[in-house]
């Protein structure tokens, strides 16, 4: 079993997280995976929202074997790796499992071992974490090289995004954090959100930090009724409407992820 530093190196793509639920984190992760696959990348999405998983719902998949079965020793890891629409691979978690509501030593070791195992097999591993700052979320994020915060321009989302950034900076020493602003009504609103968050970081986080925390603007995704329709139909927007403004922005985000 690998140590924490080697496990970190296997996560080639940011862990996708958010301060609160309902900002479209899993939508962004799944469609980003499809955009990366479209550019010829080998991609795995690991549903790391242990206990409250919904990646299977977004992708309209009905897995017979999940990460929970692998943890229990009832199935091999290879049997839990499933092809997903969009040309990438998924490792799905279970839902409604109270034993994953907190990070035990056993779950910590198992998750670390799995991330270390699957990492070298793919060009990119996306860790779709839960929302918030629970010990499960924070530990999962710690396995990633980079962190991508998904937020919306709503005040509650910004407040929770800032809280998440602050915790990651103080507990994990994160200094470079990426930002995707979803559901943007007007072009440029995402940049405004980025400036606002960076200003708050400069005022309340950086003065006490050993090195300044920098928030990198990765993408702004426009508000689009097609997104809701694709979610309701359990279809990837990248497949249903590859030429839409949101899909185009996700394609640009994929390029930035590859080049990062």
Protein backbone atom coordinates (compact mmCIF):
# COMPACT_ATOMS: atom_id res chain seq x y z
CA UNK A 1 0.00 0.00 0.00
CA UNK A 2 1.35 3.39 -0.98
CA UNK A 3 1.95 6.26 1.38
CA UNK A 4 -0.04 9.47 1.15
CA UNK A 5 2.46 11.35 -1.01
CA UNK A 6 2.59 8.63 -3.67
CA UNK A 7 -1.21 8.38 -3.66
CA UNK A 8 -1.35 12.10 -4.32
CA UNK A 9 0.80 11.76 -7.42
CA UNK A 10 -1.63 9.36 -9.07
CA UNK A 11 -4.52 11.83 -9.19
CA UNK A 12 -3.63 13.61 -12.43
CA UNK A 13 -6.68 15.85 -12.54
CA UNK A 14 -8.06 18.10 -9.81
CA UNK A 15 -10.43 16.70 -7.26
CA UNK A 16 -13.76 18.34 -8.04
CA UNK A 17 -15.40 19.69 -4.90
CA UNK A 18 -17.73 22.43 -3.76
CA UNK A 19 -18.77 24.26 -0.65
CA UNK A 20 -22.41 23.27 -1.00
CA UNK A 21 -24.62 20.85 -2.92
CA UNK A 22 -26.64 21.94 -5.93
CA UNK A 23 -23.95 23.89 -7.79
CA UNK A 24 -23.53 21.30 -10.56
CA UNK A 25 -20.28 19.72 -9.40
CA UNK A 26 -21.06 16.20 -10.64
CA UNK A 27 -22.48 17.59 -13.90
CA UNK A 28 -19.22 19.47 -14.47
CA UNK A 29 -17.09 16.45 -13.58
CA UNK A 30 -18.93 14.02 -15.84
CA UNK A 31 -19.04 16.34 -18.82
CA UNK A 32 -15.43 17.38 -18.31
CA UNK A 33 -14.54 13.68 -18.46
CA UNK A 34 -16.37 13.39 -21.79
CA UNK A 35 -14.59 16.50 -23.09
CA UNK A 36 -11.22 15.06 -22.10
CA UNK A 37 -12.06 11.72 -23.73
CA UNK A 38 -13.04 13.57 -26.90
CA UNK A 39 -9.50 14.95 -26.98
CA UNK A 40 -8.07 11.45 -26.89
CA UNK A 41 -7.40 11.21 -23.16
CA UNK A 42 -7.83 8.06 -21.07
CA UNK A 43 -10.09 9.20 -18.23
CA UNK A 44 -11.44 7.67 -15.05
CA UNK A 45 -14.05 9.35 -12.85
CA UNK A 46 -14.01 8.00 -9.31
CA UNK A 47 -17.22 8.75 -7.45
CA UNK A 48 -15.71 9.73 -4.12
CA UNK A 49 -18.95 11.03 -2.61
CA UNK A 50 -19.00 8.00 -0.37
CA UNK A 51 -22.47 7.24 0.96
CA UNK A 52 -24.31 9.90 -1.08
CA UNK A 53 -23.16 8.97 -4.56
CA UNK A 54 -25.14 10.16 -7.59
CA UNK A 55 -22.75 9.86 -10.52
CA UNK A 56 -24.63 6.72 -11.59
CA UNK A 57 -27.84 8.75 -11.78
CA UNK A 58 -26.22 11.48 -13.89
CA UNK A 59 -24.86 8.86 -16.31
CA UNK A 60 -27.97 6.63 -16.26
CA UNK A 61 -25.93 3.63 -15.14
CA UNK A 62 -27.10 0.73 -13.01
CA UNK A 63 -23.94 -0.87 -11.62
CA UNK A 64 -23.98 -4.37 -10.22
CA UNK A 65 -20.62 -3.80 -8.53
CA UNK A 66 -19.60 -0.61 -6.75
CA UNK A 67 -16.68 0.74 -4.77
CA UNK A 68 -18.47 -0.52 -1.66
CA UNK A 69 -18.19 -4.11 -2.91
CA UNK A 70 -14.47 -3.63 -3.52
CA UNK A 71 -14.01 -2.22 -0.02
CA UNK A 72 -15.81 -5.23 1.46
CA UNK A 73 -13.66 -7.63 -0.53
CA UNK A 74 -16.70 -9.02 -2.39
CA UNK A 75 -15.41 -7.94 -5.82
CA UNK A 76 -12.19 -7.13 -7.60
CA UNK A 77 -11.34 -3.57 -8.53
CA UNK A 78 -11.22 -4.47 -12.23
CA UNK A 79 -14.83 -5.67 -12.08
CA UNK A 80 -15.98 -2.32 -10.69
CA UNK A 81 -14.46 -0.27 -13.53
CA UNK A 82 -17.30 0.43 -15.95
CA UNK A 83 -17.46 2.10 -19.37
CA UNK A 84 -19.55 5.26 -19.35
CA UNK A 85 -21.29 7.21 -22.10
CA UNK A 86 -18.78 9.70 -23.45
CA UNK A 87 -15.88 7.30 -23.79
CA UNK A 88 -14.48 7.34 -20.27
CA UNK A 89 -14.41 4.91 -17.35
CA UNK A 90 -16.17 5.22 -13.99
CA UNK A 91 -15.72 3.71 -10.56
CA UNK A 92 -19.06 4.21 -8.84
CA UNK A 93 -19.78 4.37 -5.13
CA UNK A 94 -22.86 3.25 -3.22
CA UNK A 95 -25.61 5.50 -1.91
CA UNK A 96 -27.22 5.66 1.50
CA UNK A 97 -24.35 3.87 3.22
CA UNK A 98 -24.06 5.27 6.74
CA UNK A 99 -20.67 3.63 7.30
CA UNK A 100 -19.14 6.17 4.93
CA UNK A 101 -20.52 9.22 6.72
CA UNK A 102 -17.14 9.64 8.40
CA UNK A 103 -13.60 8.70 7.44
CA UNK A 104 -12.40 5.69 9.40
CA UNK A 105 -8.85 4.42 9.24
CA UNK A 106 -9.95 1.41 7.23
CA UNK A 107 -11.81 3.43 4.61
CA UNK A 108 -8.87 5.85 4.45
CA UNK A 109 -6.42 3.05 3.67
CA UNK A 110 -8.75 1.41 1.15
CA UNK A 111 -9.45 4.61 -0.73
CA UNK A 112 -5.79 5.56 -0.81
CA UNK A 113 -4.83 2.13 -2.15
CA UNK A 114 -7.47 2.28 -4.89
CA UNK A 115 -6.44 5.75 -6.04
CA UNK A 116 -2.82 4.61 -6.13
CA UNK A 117 -3.79 1.52 -8.12
CA UNK A 118 -5.94 3.13 -10.80
CA UNK A 119 -3.88 6.29 -11.29
CA UNK A 120 -1.15 4.87 -13.54
CA UNK A 121 -3.74 3.27 -15.83
CA UNK A 122 -5.21 6.57 -17.00
CA UNK A 123 -4.09 9.93 -18.31
CA UNK A 124 -6.47 11.65 -15.91
CA UNK A 125 -8.30 10.62 -12.76
CA UNK A 126 -11.16 12.85 -11.66
CA UNK A 127 -12.16 12.53 -8.02
CA UNK A 128 -15.79 13.63 -7.73
CA UNK A 129 -15.97 14.35 -4.02
CA UNK A 130 -18.85 15.27 -1.79
CA UNK A 131 -19.68 18.86 -0.89
CA UNK A 132 -18.63 20.67 2.24
CA UNK A 133 -15.71 20.19 4.60
CA UNK A 134 -16.38 16.85 6.30
CA UNK A 135 -13.43 14.60 7.09
CA UNK A 136 -14.45 12.29 4.21
CA UNK A 137 -14.38 15.16 1.70
CA UNK A 138 -11.14 16.65 3.00
CA UNK A 139 -9.30 13.36 3.00
CA UNK A 140 -10.44 12.55 -0.54
CA UNK A 141 -9.33 15.98 -1.72
CA UNK A 142 -5.94 15.42 -0.08
CA UNK A 143 -5.28 12.58 -2.54
CA UNK A 144 -5.38 14.95 -5.53
CA UNK A 145 -2.58 17.01 -6.94
CA UNK A 146 -4.90 19.91 -7.61
CA UNK A 147 -8.31 21.01 -6.39
CA UNK A 148 -11.05 22.45 -8.57
CA UNK A 149 -13.79 24.31 -6.72
CA UNK A 150 -17.15 24.49 -8.50
CA UNK A 151 -19.32 27.43 -7.46
CA UNK A 152 -22.19 29.55 -8.73
CA UNK A 153 -22.59 33.33 -8.45
CA UNK A 154 -25.18 32.87 -5.69
CA UNK A 155 -24.13 34.47 -2.37
CA UNK A 156 -24.52 31.23 -0.37
CA UNK A 157 -22.38 29.35 -2.88
CA UNK A 158 -19.65 32.00 -2.69
CA UNK A 159 -19.68 31.95 1.11
CA UNK A 160 -19.34 28.18 1.18
CA UNK A 161 -16.69 28.21 -1.57
CA UNK A 162 -14.62 30.65 0.47
CA UNK A 163 -15.00 28.50 3.60
CA UNK A 164 -13.81 25.45 1.64
CA UNK A 165 -10.83 27.32 0.20
CA UNK A 166 -9.85 28.57 3.66
CA UNK A 167 -9.98 25.09 5.16
CA UNK A 168 -7.96 23.61 2.29
CA UNK A 169 -5.37 26.36 2.64
CA UNK A 170 -5.02 25.98 6.40
CA UNK A 171 -5.28 22.21 6.81
CA UNK A 172 -3.64 20.96 3.60
CA UNK A 173 -1.34 23.84 2.76
CA UNK A 174 -3.03 24.38 -0.60
CA UNK A 175 -1.67 27.46 -2.32
CA UNK A 176 -2.97 27.02 -5.88
CA UNK A 177 -6.70 26.30 -6.15
CA UNK A 178 -8.70 26.24 -9.37
CA UNK A 179 -12.17 27.71 -9.83
CA UNK A 180 -15.04 26.90 -12.19
CA UNK A 181 -18.04 29.22 -11.98
CA UNK A 182 -21.22 27.51 -13.13
CA UNK A 183 -24.62 28.94 -14.11
CA UNK A 184 -23.28 32.33 -15.17
CA UNK A 185 -26.01 34.64 -16.50
CA UNK A 186 -23.78 37.16 -18.30
CA UNK A 187 -20.29 36.84 -19.83
CA UNK A 188 -17.73 38.11 -17.38
CA UNK A 189 -19.75 37.30 -14.25
CA UNK A 190 -17.46 34.35 -13.59
CA UNK A 191 -14.43 36.63 -13.65
CA UNK A 192 -16.20 38.93 -11.20
CA UNK A 193 -16.78 35.98 -8.86
CA UNK A 194 -13.10 35.07 -9.15
CA UNK A 195 -12.00 38.61 -8.29
CA UNK A 196 -14.38 38.75 -5.34
CA UNK A 197 -13.17 35.47 -3.89
CA UNK A 198 -9.51 36.37 -4.44
CA UNK A 199 -10.01 39.69 -2.66
CA UNK A 200 -11.52 37.94 0.36
CA UNK A 201 -8.63 35.46 0.35
CA UNK A 202 -6.12 38.33 0.20
CA UNK A 203 -7.77 39.99 3.17
CA UNK A 204 -8.50 37.08 5.48
CA UNK A 205 -6.33 34.11 4.47
CA UNK A 206 -3.07 35.34 2.99
CA UNK A 207 -1.94 37.61 5.85
CA UNK A 208 -1.42 34.59 8.12
CA UNK A 209 -0.23 32.17 5.43
CA UNK A 210 3.36 31.10 4.85
CA UNK A 211 2.77 31.68 1.11
CA UNK A 212 -0.09 33.44 -0.67
CA UNK A 213 -3.11 31.45 -1.82
CA UNK A 214 -3.84 32.00 -5.52
CA UNK A 215 -7.20 31.19 -7.05
CA UNK A 216 -6.91 30.29 -10.75
CA UNK A 217 -9.92 30.99 -12.96
CA UNK A 218 -10.44 27.89 -15.12
CA UNK A 219 -13.84 28.40 -16.73
CA UNK A 220 -17.23 30.06 -16.54
CA UNK A 221 -20.18 28.01 -17.73
CA UNK A 222 -23.24 29.94 -18.92
CA UNK A 223 -26.71 29.35 -17.55
CA UNK A 224 -28.49 27.14 -20.08
CA UNK A 225 -31.88 25.43 -19.95
CA UNK A 226 -30.34 22.57 -21.90
CA UNK A 227 -28.28 21.66 -18.86
CA UNK A 228 -31.34 21.00 -16.74
CA UNK A 229 -32.93 19.02 -19.56
CA UNK A 230 -29.83 16.84 -19.97
CA UNK A 231 -29.71 16.19 -16.23
CA UNK A 232 -33.38 15.24 -16.13
CA UNK A 233 -32.87 12.89 -19.08
CA UNK A 234 -29.68 11.50 -17.54
CA UNK A 235 -27.71 12.40 -20.66
CA UNK A 236 -24.33 14.07 -20.95
CA UNK A 237 -24.64 17.53 -22.45
CA UNK A 238 -21.33 16.94 -24.27
CA UNK A 239 -23.07 14.15 -26.19
CA UNK A 240 -26.56 15.63 -26.50
CA UNK A 241 -25.52 19.18 -27.49
CA UNK A 242 -21.77 19.17 -28.26
CA UNK A 243 -22.00 22.57 -29.94
CA UNK A 244 -23.79 24.38 -27.09
CA UNK A 245 -22.05 27.26 -25.30
CA UNK A 246 -21.69 25.14 -22.15
CA UNK A 247 -20.16 22.22 -24.07
CA UNK A 248 -17.80 24.61 -25.83
CA UNK A 249 -16.69 26.06 -22.50
CA UNK A 250 -16.19 22.54 -21.12
CA UNK A 251 -14.04 21.69 -24.13
CA UNK A 252 -11.87 24.72 -23.41
CA UNK A 253 -11.69 23.66 -19.75
CA UNK A 254 -10.53 20.20 -20.83
CA UNK A 255 -7.73 21.74 -22.88
CA UNK A 256 -6.62 23.78 -19.88
CA UNK A 257 -6.66 20.69 -17.69
CA UNK A 258 -4.50 18.80 -20.19
CA UNK A 259 -2.05 21.70 -20.43
CA UNK A 260 -1.88 22.30 -16.67
